[in-house]
């Protein structure tokens, strides 16, 4: 093995280690019916949002027949980040926001 081959192997291994958690999370979301594009997941990671929290909330909302887009979940999290500590908090915030919008639009 040459030095170049070893260097490429090490770089490839580091890249796999960096992206493996994202791929596993992507697979978990996909198998639960709340598929997320890999690029959306990567952008969440780069922005520093807790992507596992958002995916757990998306899965729960999807199973309760009230799906939300990842953009809505991330936007809501960013607006209320200090009040949201768990997927349940995010789900409650989303539902309250939707109820407020329904109430305001009906008056």
PDB file of N, CA and C in Angstrom:
ATOM      1  N   UNK A   1       0.837  -1.187   0.000  1.00  0.00           N
ATOM      2  CA  UNK A   1       0.000   0.000   0.000  1.00  0.00           C
ATOM      3  C   UNK A   1       0.876   1.243   0.000  1.00  0.00           C
ATOM      4  N   UNK A   2       0.481   2.172  -0.831  1.00  0.00           N
ATOM      5  CA  UNK A   2       1.244   3.414  -0.906  1.00  0.00           C
ATOM      6  C   UNK A   2       0.714   4.414   0.111  1.00  0.00           C
ATOM      7  N   UNK A   3       1.450   5.467   0.291  1.00  0.00           N
ATOM      8  CA  UNK A   3       1.053   6.525   1.211  1.00  0.00           C
ATOM      9  C   UNK A   3      -0.252   7.175   0.764  1.00  0.00           C
ATOM     10  N   UNK A   4      -0.418   7.343  -0.538  1.00  0.00           N
ATOM     11  CA  UNK A   4      -1.651   7.939  -1.061  1.00  0.00           C
ATOM     12  C   UNK A   4      -2.863   7.071  -0.740  1.00  0.00           C
ATOM     13  N   UNK A   5      -2.727   5.778  -0.896  1.00  0.00           N
ATOM     14  CA  UNK A   5      -3.823   4.852  -0.618  1.00  0.00           C
ATOM     15  C   UNK A   5      -4.207   4.902   0.856  1.00  0.00           C
ATOM     16  N   UNK A   6      -3.229   4.910   1.710  1.00  0.00           N
ATOM     17  CA  UNK A   6      -3.483   4.970   3.154  1.00  0.00           C
ATOM     18  C   UNK A   6      -4.157   6.285   3.514  1.00  0.00           C
ATOM     19  N   UNK A   7      -3.691   7.379   2.934  1.00  0.00           N
ATOM     20  CA  UNK A   7      -4.278   8.689   3.200  1.00  0.00           C
ATOM     21  C   UNK A   7      -5.736   8.728   2.741  1.00  0.00           C
ATOM     22  N   UNK A   8      -5.997   8.219   1.543  1.00  0.00           N
ATOM     23  CA  UNK A   8      -7.372   8.186   1.036  1.00  0.00           C
ATOM     24  C   UNK A   8      -8.258   7.299   1.903  1.00  0.00           C
ATOM     25  N   UNK A   9      -7.730   6.188   2.364  1.00  0.00           N
ATOM     26  CA  UNK A   9      -8.484   5.299   3.237  1.00  0.00           C
ATOM     27  C   UNK A   9      -8.840   6.008   4.543  1.00  0.00           C
ATOM     28  N   UNK A  10      -7.898   6.709   5.131  1.00  0.00           N
ATOM     29  CA  UNK A  10      -8.135   7.426   6.391  1.00  0.00           C
ATOM     30  C   UNK A  10      -9.164   8.529   6.185  1.00  0.00           C
ATOM     31  N   UNK A  11      -9.045   9.287   5.110  1.00  0.00           N
ATOM     32  CA  UNK A  11     -10.012  10.355   4.821  1.00  0.00           C
ATOM     33  C   UNK A  11     -11.400   9.759   4.607  1.00  0.00           C
ATOM     34  N   UNK A  12     -11.484   8.672   3.856  1.00  0.00           N
ATOM     35  CA  UNK A  12     -12.766   8.010   3.625  1.00  0.00           C
ATOM     36  C   UNK A  12     -13.379   7.507   4.915  1.00  0.00           C
ATOM     37  N   UNK A  13     -12.572   6.947   5.787  1.00  0.00           N
ATOM     38  CA  UNK A  13     -13.044   6.449   7.071  1.00  0.00           C
ATOM     39  C   UNK A  13     -13.595   7.586   7.934  1.00  0.00           C
ATOM     40  N   UNK A  14     -12.905   8.709   7.942  1.00  0.00           N
ATOM     41  CA  UNK A  14     -13.367   9.874   8.713  1.00  0.00           C
ATOM     42  C   UNK A  14     -14.699  10.389   8.162  1.00  0.00           C
ATOM     43  N   UNK A  15     -14.837  10.444   6.861  1.00  0.00           N
ATOM     44  CA  UNK A  15     -16.083  10.898   6.241  1.00  0.00           C
ATOM     45  C   UNK A  15     -17.230   9.965   6.604  1.00  0.00           C
ATOM     46  N   UNK A  16     -16.985   8.675   6.553  1.00  0.00           N
ATOM     47  CA  UNK A  16     -18.023   7.698   6.931  1.00  0.00           C
ATOM     48  C   UNK A  16     -18.427   7.893   8.386  1.00  0.00           C
ATOM     49  N   UNK A  17     -17.448   8.093   9.269  1.00  0.00           N
ATOM     50  CA  UNK A  17     -17.755   8.308  10.681  1.00  0.00           C
ATOM     51  C   UNK A  17     -18.571   9.578  10.898  1.00  0.00           C
ATOM     52  N   UNK A  18     -18.302  10.609  10.108  1.00  0.00           N
ATOM     53  CA  UNK A  18     -19.042  11.860  10.252  1.00  0.00           C
ATOM     54  C   UNK A  18     -20.484  11.734   9.770  1.00  0.00           C
ATOM     55  N   UNK A  19     -20.701  10.981   8.704  1.00  0.00           N
ATOM     56  CA  UNK A  19     -22.028  10.907   8.110  1.00  0.00           C
ATOM     57  C   UNK A  19     -22.847   9.704   8.545  1.00  0.00           C
ATOM     58  N   UNK A  20     -22.249   8.728   9.196  1.00  0.00           N
ATOM     59  CA  UNK A  20     -22.974   7.534   9.612  1.00  0.00           C
ATOM     60  C   UNK A  20     -24.155   7.834  10.535  1.00  0.00           C
ATOM     61  N   UNK A  21     -24.003   8.689  11.556  1.00  0.00           N
ATOM     62  CA  UNK A  21     -25.169   9.003  12.391  1.00  0.00           C
ATOM     63  C   UNK A  21     -26.314   9.612  11.583  1.00  0.00           C
ATOM     64  N   UNK A  22     -25.983  10.444  10.611  1.00  0.00           N
ATOM     65  CA  UNK A  22     -27.016  11.056   9.778  1.00  0.00           C
ATOM     66  C   UNK A  22     -27.723  10.006   8.930  1.00  0.00           C
ATOM     67  N   UNK A  23     -26.966   9.084   8.384  1.00  0.00           N
ATOM     68  CA  UNK A  23     -27.569   8.035   7.560  1.00  0.00           C
ATOM     69  C   UNK A  23     -28.465   7.132   8.392  1.00  0.00           C
ATOM     70  N   UNK A  24     -28.049   6.807   9.600  1.00  0.00           N
ATOM     71  CA  UNK A  24     -28.876   5.980  10.477  1.00  0.00           C
ATOM     72  C   UNK A  24     -30.152   6.710  10.890  1.00  0.00           C
ATOM     73  N   UNK A  25     -30.035   7.997  11.168  1.00  0.00           N
ATOM     74  CA  UNK A  25     -31.205   8.800  11.518  1.00  0.00           C
ATOM     75  C   UNK A  25     -32.148   8.907  10.334  1.00  0.00           C
ATOM     76  N   UNK A  26     -31.593   9.088   9.158  1.00  0.00           N
ATOM     77  CA  UNK A  26     -32.379   9.146   7.929  1.00  0.00           C
ATOM     78  C   UNK A  26     -33.138   7.836   7.728  1.00  0.00           C
ATOM     79  N   UNK A  27     -32.485   6.727   7.953  1.00  0.00           N
ATOM     80  CA  UNK A  27     -33.109   5.413   7.801  1.00  0.00           C
ATOM     81  C   UNK A  27     -34.215   5.216   8.827  1.00  0.00           C
ATOM     82  N   UNK A  28     -34.002   5.691  10.051  1.00  0.00           N
ATOM     83  CA  UNK A  28     -35.023   5.573  11.097  1.00  0.00           C
ATOM     84  C   UNK A  28     -36.259   6.379  10.738  1.00  0.00           C
ATOM     85  N   UNK A  29     -36.055   7.588  10.241  1.00  0.00           N
ATOM     86  CA  UNK A  29     -37.183   8.428   9.838  1.00  0.00           C
ATOM     87  C   UNK A  29     -37.925   7.803   8.664  1.00  0.00           C
ATOM     88  N   UNK A  30     -37.175   7.301   7.698  1.00  0.00           N
ATOM     89  CA  UNK A  30     -37.787   6.698   6.518  1.00  0.00           C
ATOM     90  C   UNK A  30     -38.608   5.465   6.894  1.00  0.00           C
ATOM     91  N   UNK A  31     -38.070   4.623   7.768  1.00  0.00           N
ATOM     92  CA  UNK A  31     -38.783   3.404   8.152  1.00  0.00           C
ATOM     93  C   UNK A  31     -40.006   3.697   9.008  1.00  0.00           C
ATOM     94  N   UNK A  32     -40.068   4.875   9.602  1.00  0.00           N
ATOM     95  CA  UNK A  32     -41.217   5.264  10.422  1.00  0.00           C
ATOM     96  C   UNK A  32     -42.261   6.053   9.648  1.00  0.00           C
ATOM     97  N   UNK A  33     -42.013   6.284   8.375  1.00  0.00           N
ATOM     98  CA  UNK A  33     -42.990   6.993   7.556  1.00  0.00           C
ATOM     99  C   UNK A  33     -42.825   8.497   7.546  1.00  0.00           C
ATOM    100  N   UNK A  34     -41.744   9.001   8.087  1.00  0.00           N
ATOM    101  CA  UNK A  34     -41.500  10.443   8.107  1.00  0.00           C
ATOM    102  C   UNK A  34     -40.171  10.712   7.406  1.00  0.00           C
ATOM    103  N   UNK A  35     -40.071  10.281   6.164  1.00  0.00           N
ATOM    104  CA  UNK A  35     -38.808  10.376   5.425  1.00  0.00           C
ATOM    105  C   UNK A  35     -38.290  11.805   5.364  1.00  0.00           C
ATOM    106  N   UNK A  36     -36.983  11.922   5.465  1.00  0.00           N
ATOM    107  CA  UNK A  36     -36.332  13.227   5.389  1.00  0.00           C
ATOM    108  C   UNK A  36     -35.225  13.150   4.339  1.00  0.00           C
ATOM    109  N   UNK A  37     -35.190  14.116   3.438  1.00  0.00           N
ATOM    110  CA  UNK A  37     -34.088  14.117   2.468  1.00  0.00           C
ATOM    111  C   UNK A  37     -32.745  14.290   3.186  1.00  0.00           C
ATOM    112  N   UNK A  38     -31.748  13.596   2.708  1.00  0.00           N
ATOM    113  CA  UNK A  38     -30.428  13.647   3.339  1.00  0.00           C
ATOM    114  C   UNK A  38     -29.874  15.066   3.366  1.00  0.00           C
ATOM    115  N   UNK A  39     -30.127  15.834   2.309  1.00  0.00           N
ATOM    116  CA  UNK A  39     -29.627  17.216   2.270  1.00  0.00           C
ATOM    117  C   UNK A  39     -30.304  18.074   3.346  1.00  0.00           C
ATOM    118  N   UNK A  40     -31.592  17.866   3.578  1.00  0.00           N
ATOM    119  CA  UNK A  40     -32.295  18.602   4.641  1.00  0.00           C
ATOM    120  C   UNK A  40     -31.685  18.256   5.991  1.00  0.00           C
ATOM    121  N   UNK A  41     -31.409  16.989   6.198  1.00  0.00           N
ATOM    122  CA  UNK A  41     -30.801  16.550   7.449  1.00  0.00           C
ATOM    123  C   UNK A  41     -29.415  17.164   7.637  1.00  0.00           C
ATOM    124  N   UNK A  42     -28.623  17.182   6.573  1.00  0.00           N
ATOM    125  CA  UNK A  42     -27.286  17.764   6.667  1.00  0.00           C
ATOM    126  C   UNK A  42     -27.356  19.267   6.967  1.00  0.00           C
ATOM    127  N   UNK A  43     -28.301  19.956   6.346  1.00  0.00           N
ATOM    128  CA  UNK A  43     -28.433  21.396   6.601  1.00  0.00           C
ATOM    129  C   UNK A  43     -28.864  21.651   8.047  1.00  0.00           C
ATOM    130  N   UNK A  44     -29.728  20.786   8.596  1.00  0.00           N
ATOM    131  CA  UNK A  44     -30.104  20.917  10.009  1.00  0.00           C
ATOM    132  C   UNK A  44     -28.862  20.783  10.897  1.00  0.00           C
ATOM    133  N   UNK A  45     -28.018  19.814  10.575  1.00  0.00           N
ATOM    134  CA  UNK A  45     -26.805  19.620  11.358  1.00  0.00           C
ATOM    135  C   UNK A  45     -25.890  20.838  11.265  1.00  0.00           C
ATOM    136  N   UNK A  46     -25.741  21.397  10.062  1.00  0.00           N
ATOM    137  CA  UNK A  46     -24.868  22.561   9.882  1.00  0.00           C
ATOM    138  C   UNK A  46     -25.423  23.790  10.604  1.00  0.00           C
ATOM    139  N   UNK A  47     -26.765  23.910  10.673  1.00  0.00           N
ATOM    140  CA  UNK A  47     -27.377  25.044  11.380  1.00  0.00           C
ATOM    141  C   UNK A  47     -27.388  24.849  12.885  1.00  0.00           C
ATOM    142  N   UNK A  48     -27.077  23.645  13.332  1.00  0.00           N
ATOM    143  CA  UNK A  48     -26.992  23.396  14.764  1.00  0.00           C
ATOM    144  C   UNK A  48     -28.312  23.082  15.427  1.00  0.00           C
ATOM    145  N   UNK A  49     -29.333  22.745  14.655  1.00  0.00           N
ATOM    146  CA  UNK A  49     -30.603  22.371  15.261  1.00  0.00           C
ATOM    147  C   UNK A  49     -30.549  20.904  15.681  1.00  0.00           C
ATOM    148  N   UNK A  50     -31.249  20.556  16.747  1.00  0.00           N
ATOM    149  CA  UNK A  50     -31.231  19.167  17.215  1.00  0.00           C
ATOM    150  C   UNK A  50     -32.082  18.287  16.303  1.00  0.00           C
ATOM    151  N   UNK A  51     -31.468  17.744  15.266  1.00  0.00           N
ATOM    152  CA  UNK A  51     -32.209  17.042  14.231  1.00  0.00           C
ATOM    153  C   UNK A  51     -32.913  15.799  14.759  1.00  0.00           C
ATOM    154  N   UNK A  52     -32.371  15.147  15.773  1.00  0.00           N
ATOM    155  CA  UNK A  52     -33.034  13.966  16.328  1.00  0.00           C
ATOM    156  C   UNK A  52     -34.344  14.361  17.011  1.00  0.00           C
ATOM    157  N   UNK A  53     -34.352  15.482  17.704  1.00  0.00           N
ATOM    158  CA  UNK A  53     -35.569  15.979  18.334  1.00  0.00           C
ATOM    159  C   UNK A  53     -36.626  16.279  17.267  1.00  0.00           C
ATOM    160  N   UNK A  54     -36.218  16.934  16.185  1.00  0.00           N
ATOM    161  CA  UNK A  54     -37.149  17.277  15.117  1.00  0.00           C
ATOM    162  C   UNK A  54     -37.689  16.034  14.429  1.00  0.00           C
ATOM    163  N   UNK A  55     -36.843  15.047  14.225  1.00  0.00           N
ATOM    164  CA  UNK A  55     -37.285  13.820  13.570  1.00  0.00           C
ATOM    165  C   UNK A  55     -38.224  13.032  14.480  1.00  0.00           C
ATOM    166  N   UNK A  56     -37.930  12.979  15.774  1.00  0.00           N
ATOM    167  CA  UNK A  56     -38.842  12.307  16.706  1.00  0.00           C
ATOM    168  C   UNK A  56     -40.213  12.985  16.709  1.00  0.00           C
ATOM    169  N   UNK A  57     -40.222  14.315  16.690  1.00  0.00           N
ATOM    170  CA  UNK A  57     -41.488  15.041  16.646  1.00  0.00           C
ATOM    171  C   UNK A  57     -42.224  14.771  15.332  1.00  0.00           C
ATOM    172  N   UNK A  58     -41.494  14.738  14.221  1.00  0.00           N
ATOM    173  CA  UNK A  58     -42.111  14.473  12.914  1.00  0.00           C
ATOM    174  C   UNK A  58     -42.721  13.078  12.879  1.00  0.00           C
ATOM    175  N   UNK A  59     -42.029  12.104  13.429  1.00  0.00           N
ATOM    176  CA  UNK A  59     -42.540  10.734  13.465  1.00  0.00           C
ATOM    177  C   UNK A  59     -43.820  10.670  14.296  1.00  0.00           C
ATOM    178  N   UNK A  60     -43.806  11.293  15.464  1.00  0.00           N
ATOM    179  CA  UNK A  60     -44.983  11.279  16.332  1.00  0.00           C
ATOM    180  C   UNK A  60     -46.161  11.986  15.680  1.00  0.00           C
ATOM    181  N   UNK A  61     -45.926  13.158  15.087  1.00  0.00           N
ATOM    182  CA  UNK A  61     -47.008  13.872  14.404  1.00  0.00           C
ATOM    183  C   UNK A  61     -47.538  13.068  13.222  1.00  0.00           C
ATOM    184  N   UNK A  62     -46.662  12.417  12.509  1.00  0.00           N
ATOM    185  CA  UNK A  62     -47.068  11.604  11.366  1.00  0.00           C
ATOM    186  C   UNK A  62     -47.956  10.437  11.815  1.00  0.00           C
ATOM    187  N   UNK A  63     -47.601   9.825  12.921  1.00  0.00           N
ATOM    188  CA  UNK A  63     -48.380   8.701  13.434  1.00  0.00           C
ATOM    189  C   UNK A  63     -49.716   9.160  14.013  1.00  0.00           C
ATOM    190  N   UNK A  64     -49.805  10.406  14.452  1.00  0.00           N
ATOM    191  CA  UNK A  64     -51.064  10.926  14.990  1.00  0.00           C
ATOM    192  C   UNK A  64     -51.925  11.572  13.907  1.00  0.00           C
ATOM    193  N   UNK A  65     -51.550  11.360  12.647  1.00  0.00           N
ATOM    194  CA  UNK A  65     -52.294  11.854  11.478  1.00  0.00           C
ATOM    195  C   UNK A  65     -52.344  13.374  11.395  1.00  0.00           C
ATOM    196  N   UNK A  66     -51.332  14.036  11.937  1.00  0.00           N
ATOM    197  CA  UNK A  66     -51.195  15.489  11.845  1.00  0.00           C
ATOM    198  C   UNK A  66     -49.783  15.821  11.373  1.00  0.00           C
ATOM    199  N   UNK A  67     -49.407  15.391  10.170  1.00  0.00           N
ATOM    200  CA  UNK A  67     -48.015  15.579   9.741  1.00  0.00           C
ATOM    201  C   UNK A  67     -47.617  17.050   9.639  1.00  0.00           C
ATOM    202  N   UNK A  68     -46.336  17.274   9.858  1.00  0.00           N
ATOM    203  CA  UNK A  68     -45.764  18.616   9.729  1.00  0.00           C
ATOM    204  C   UNK A  68     -44.511  18.504   8.883  1.00  0.00           C
ATOM    205  N   UNK A  69     -44.251  19.534   8.112  1.00  0.00           N
ATOM    206  CA  UNK A  69     -43.036  19.530   7.295  1.00  0.00           C
ATOM    207  C   UNK A  69     -41.832  19.794   8.209  1.00  0.00           C
ATOM    208  N   UNK A  70     -40.682  19.364   7.750  1.00  0.00           N
ATOM    209  CA  UNK A  70     -39.471  19.610   8.526  1.00  0.00           C
ATOM    210  C   UNK A  70     -39.170  21.101   8.604  1.00  0.00           C
ATOM    211  N   UNK A  71     -39.564  21.846   7.583  1.00  0.00           N
ATOM    212  CA  UNK A  71     -39.374  23.299   7.615  1.00  0.00           C
ATOM    213  C   UNK A  71     -40.214  23.913   8.736  1.00  0.00           C
ATOM    214  N   UNK A  72     -41.479  23.465   8.863  1.00  0.00           N
ATOM    215  CA  UNK A  72     -42.342  23.974   9.936  1.00  0.00           C
ATOM    216  C   UNK A  72     -41.779  23.595  11.301  1.00  0.00           C
ATOM    217  N   UNK A  73     -41.326  22.369  11.441  1.00  0.00           N
ATOM    218  CA  UNK A  73     -40.760  21.924  12.712  1.00  0.00           C
ATOM    219  C   UNK A  73     -39.515  22.728  13.083  1.00  0.00           C
ATOM    220  N   UNK A  74     -38.626  22.912  12.123  1.00  0.00           N
ATOM    221  CA  UNK A  74     -37.391  23.643  12.404  1.00  0.00           C
ATOM    222  C   UNK A  74     -37.666  25.119  12.670  1.00  0.00           C
ATOM    223  N   UNK A  75     -38.570  25.709  11.898  1.00  0.00           N
ATOM    224  CA  UNK A  75     -38.921  27.122  12.094  1.00  0.00           C
ATOM    225  C   UNK A  75     -39.525  27.332  13.488  1.00  0.00           C
ATOM    226  N   UNK A  76     -40.418  26.429  13.889  1.00  0.00           N
ATOM    227  CA  UNK A  76     -41.042  26.534  15.212  1.00  0.00           C
ATOM    228  C   UNK A  76     -40.008  26.337  16.314  1.00  0.00           C
ATOM    229  N   UNK A  77     -39.127  25.372  16.119  1.00  0.00           N
ATOM    230  CA  UNK A  77     -38.082  25.152  17.120  1.00  0.00           C
ATOM    231  C   UNK A  77     -37.196  26.384  17.271  1.00  0.00           C
ATOM    232  N   UNK A  78     -36.777  26.956  16.151  1.00  0.00           N
ATOM    233  CA  UNK A  78     -35.893  28.126  16.210  1.00  0.00           C
ATOM    234  C   UNK A  78     -36.578  29.319  16.884  1.00  0.00           C
ATOM    235  N   UNK A  79     -37.884  29.470  16.667  1.00  0.00           N
ATOM    236  CA  UNK A  79     -38.611  30.590  17.273  1.00  0.00           C
ATOM    237  C   UNK A  79     -38.804  30.390  18.774  1.00  0.00           C
ATOM    238  N   UNK A  80     -38.900  29.144  19.214  1.00  0.00           N
ATOM    239  CA  UNK A  80     -39.198  28.854  20.623  1.00  0.00           C
ATOM    240  C   UNK A  80     -38.129  27.974  21.268  1.00  0.00           C
ATOM    241  N   UNK A  81     -36.893  28.064  20.821  1.00  0.00           N
ATOM    242  CA  UNK A  81     -35.863  27.097  21.215  1.00  0.00           C
ATOM    243  C   UNK A  81     -35.633  26.995  22.713  1.00  0.00           C
ATOM    244  N   UNK A  82     -35.852  28.062  23.464  1.00  0.00           N
ATOM    245  CA  UNK A  82     -35.586  27.995  24.899  1.00  0.00           C
ATOM    246  C   UNK A  82     -36.739  27.380  25.670  1.00  0.00           C
ATOM    247  N   UNK A  83     -37.905  27.245  25.036  1.00  0.00           N
ATOM    248  CA  UNK A  83     -39.061  26.630  25.680  1.00  0.00           C
ATOM    249  C   UNK A  83     -39.228  25.168  25.279  1.00  0.00           C
ATOM    250  N   UNK A  84     -38.464  24.706  24.293  1.00  0.00           N
ATOM    251  CA  UNK A  84     -38.609  23.348  23.774  1.00  0.00           C
ATOM    252  C   UNK A  84     -37.410  22.507  24.209  1.00  0.00           C
ATOM    253  N   UNK A  85     -37.707  21.489  25.032  1.00  0.00           N
ATOM    254  CA  UNK A  85     -36.646  20.605  25.519  1.00  0.00           C
ATOM    255  C   UNK A  85     -36.829  19.158  25.090  1.00  0.00           C
ATOM    256  N   UNK A  86     -37.979  18.855  24.497  1.00  0.00           N
ATOM    257  CA  UNK A  86     -38.256  17.470  24.106  1.00  0.00           C
ATOM    258  C   UNK A  86     -39.164  17.485  22.874  1.00  0.00           C
ATOM    259  N   UNK A  87     -39.281  16.343  22.203  1.00  0.00           N
ATOM    260  CA  UNK A  87     -40.194  16.275  21.056  1.00  0.00           C
ATOM    261  C   UNK A  87     -41.635  16.597  21.463  1.00  0.00           C
ATOM    262  N   UNK A  88     -42.023  16.206  22.677  1.00  0.00           N
ATOM    263  CA  UNK A  88     -43.380  16.481  23.153  1.00  0.00           C
ATOM    264  C   UNK A  88     -43.627  17.983  23.268  1.00  0.00           C
ATOM    265  N   UNK A  89     -42.627  18.731  23.731  1.00  0.00           N
ATOM    266  CA  UNK A  89     -42.750  20.193  23.804  1.00  0.00           C
ATOM    267  C   UNK A  89     -42.938  20.789  22.415  1.00  0.00           C
ATOM    268  N   UNK A  90     -42.186  20.290  21.456  1.00  0.00           N
ATOM    269  CA  UNK A  90     -42.292  20.795  20.090  1.00  0.00           C
ATOM    270  C   UNK A  90     -43.659  20.463  19.498  1.00  0.00           C
ATOM    271  N   UNK A  91     -44.143  19.256  19.733  1.00  0.00           N
ATOM    272  CA  UNK A  91     -45.456  18.854  19.226  1.00  0.00           C
ATOM    273  C   UNK A  91     -46.544  19.729  19.823  1.00  0.00           C
ATOM    274  N   UNK A  92     -46.470  19.974  21.122  1.00  0.00           N
ATOM    275  CA  UNK A  92     -47.466  20.826  21.786  1.00  0.00           C
ATOM    276  C   UNK A  92     -47.417  22.249  21.216  1.00  0.00           C
ATOM    277  N   UNK A  93     -46.228  22.769  20.985  1.00  0.00           N
ATOM    278  CA  UNK A  93     -46.085  24.109  20.417  1.00  0.00           C
ATOM    279  C   UNK A  93     -46.670  24.173  19.014  1.00  0.00           C
ATOM    280  N   UNK A  94     -46.409  23.164  18.192  1.00  0.00           N
ATOM    281  CA  UNK A  94     -46.953  23.109  16.827  1.00  0.00           C
ATOM    282  C   UNK A  94     -48.480  23.082  16.877  1.00  0.00           C
ATOM    283  N   UNK A  95     -49.041  22.216  17.733  1.00  0.00           N
ATOM    284  CA  UNK A  95     -50.505  22.099  17.826  1.00  0.00           C
ATOM    285  C   UNK A  95     -51.129  23.393  18.317  1.00  0.00           C
ATOM    286  N   UNK A  96     -50.514  24.038  19.310  1.00  0.00           N
ATOM    287  CA  UNK A  96     -51.036  25.315  19.805  1.00  0.00           C
ATOM    288  C   UNK A  96     -50.988  26.383  18.715  1.00  0.00           C
ATOM    289  N   UNK A  97     -49.910  26.404  17.963  1.00  0.00           N
ATOM    290  CA  UNK A  97     -49.759  27.367  16.876  1.00  0.00           C
ATOM    291  C   UNK A  97     -50.836  27.154  15.810  1.00  0.00           C
ATOM    292  N   UNK A  98     -51.097  25.895  15.469  1.00  0.00           N
ATOM    293  CA  UNK A  98     -52.135  25.586  14.477  1.00  0.00           C
ATOM    294  C   UNK A  98     -53.516  25.963  14.993  1.00  0.00           C
ATOM    295  N   UNK A  99     -53.778  25.689  16.283  1.00  0.00           N
ATOM    296  CA  UNK A  99     -55.072  26.062  16.858  1.00  0.00           C
ATOM    297  C   UNK A  99     -55.254  27.576  16.860  1.00  0.00           C
ATOM    298  N   UNK A 100     -54.196  28.317  17.184  1.00  0.00           N
ATOM    299  CA  UNK A 100     -54.260  29.784  17.155  1.00  0.00           C
ATOM    300  C   UNK A 100     -54.547  30.295  15.752  1.00  0.00           C
ATOM    301  N   UNK A 101     -53.926  29.675  14.746  1.00  0.00           N
ATOM    302  CA  UNK A 101     -54.159  30.095  13.364  1.00  0.00           C
ATOM    303  C   UNK A 101     -55.592  29.805  12.942  1.00  0.00           C
ATOM    304  N   UNK A 102     -56.142  28.654  13.356  1.00  0.00           N
ATOM    305  CA  UNK A 102     -57.537  28.325  13.042  1.00  0.00           C
ATOM    306  C   UNK A 102     -58.489  29.301  13.710  1.00  0.00           C
ATOM    307  N   UNK A 103     -58.209  29.639  14.968  1.00  0.00           N
ATOM    308  CA  UNK A 103     -59.054  30.557  15.714  1.00  0.00           C
ATOM    309  C   UNK A 103     -59.028  31.946  15.075  1.00  0.00           C
ATOM    310  N   UNK A 104     -57.848  32.404  14.704  1.00  0.00           N
ATOM    311  CA  UNK A 104     -57.713  33.733  14.091  1.00  0.00           C
ATOM    312  C   UNK A 104     -58.339  33.790  12.709  1.00  0.00           C
ATOM    313  N   UNK A 105     -58.271  32.714  11.969  1.00  0.00           N
ATOM    314  CA  UNK A 105     -58.837  32.727  10.612  1.00  0.00           C
ATOM    315  C   UNK A 105     -60.347  32.601  10.612  1.00  0.00           C
ATOM    316  N   UNK A 106     -60.925  32.037  11.685  1.00  0.00           N
ATOM    317  CA  UNK A 106     -62.377  31.884  11.730  1.00  0.00           C
ATOM    318  C   UNK A 106     -63.078  33.127  12.267  1.00  0.00           C
ATOM    319  N   UNK A 107     -62.347  34.048  12.845  1.00  0.00           N
ATOM    320  CA  UNK A 107     -62.976  35.273  13.359  1.00  0.00           C
ATOM    321  C   UNK A 107     -62.891  36.395  12.375  1.00  0.00           C
TER     322      UNK A 107
END
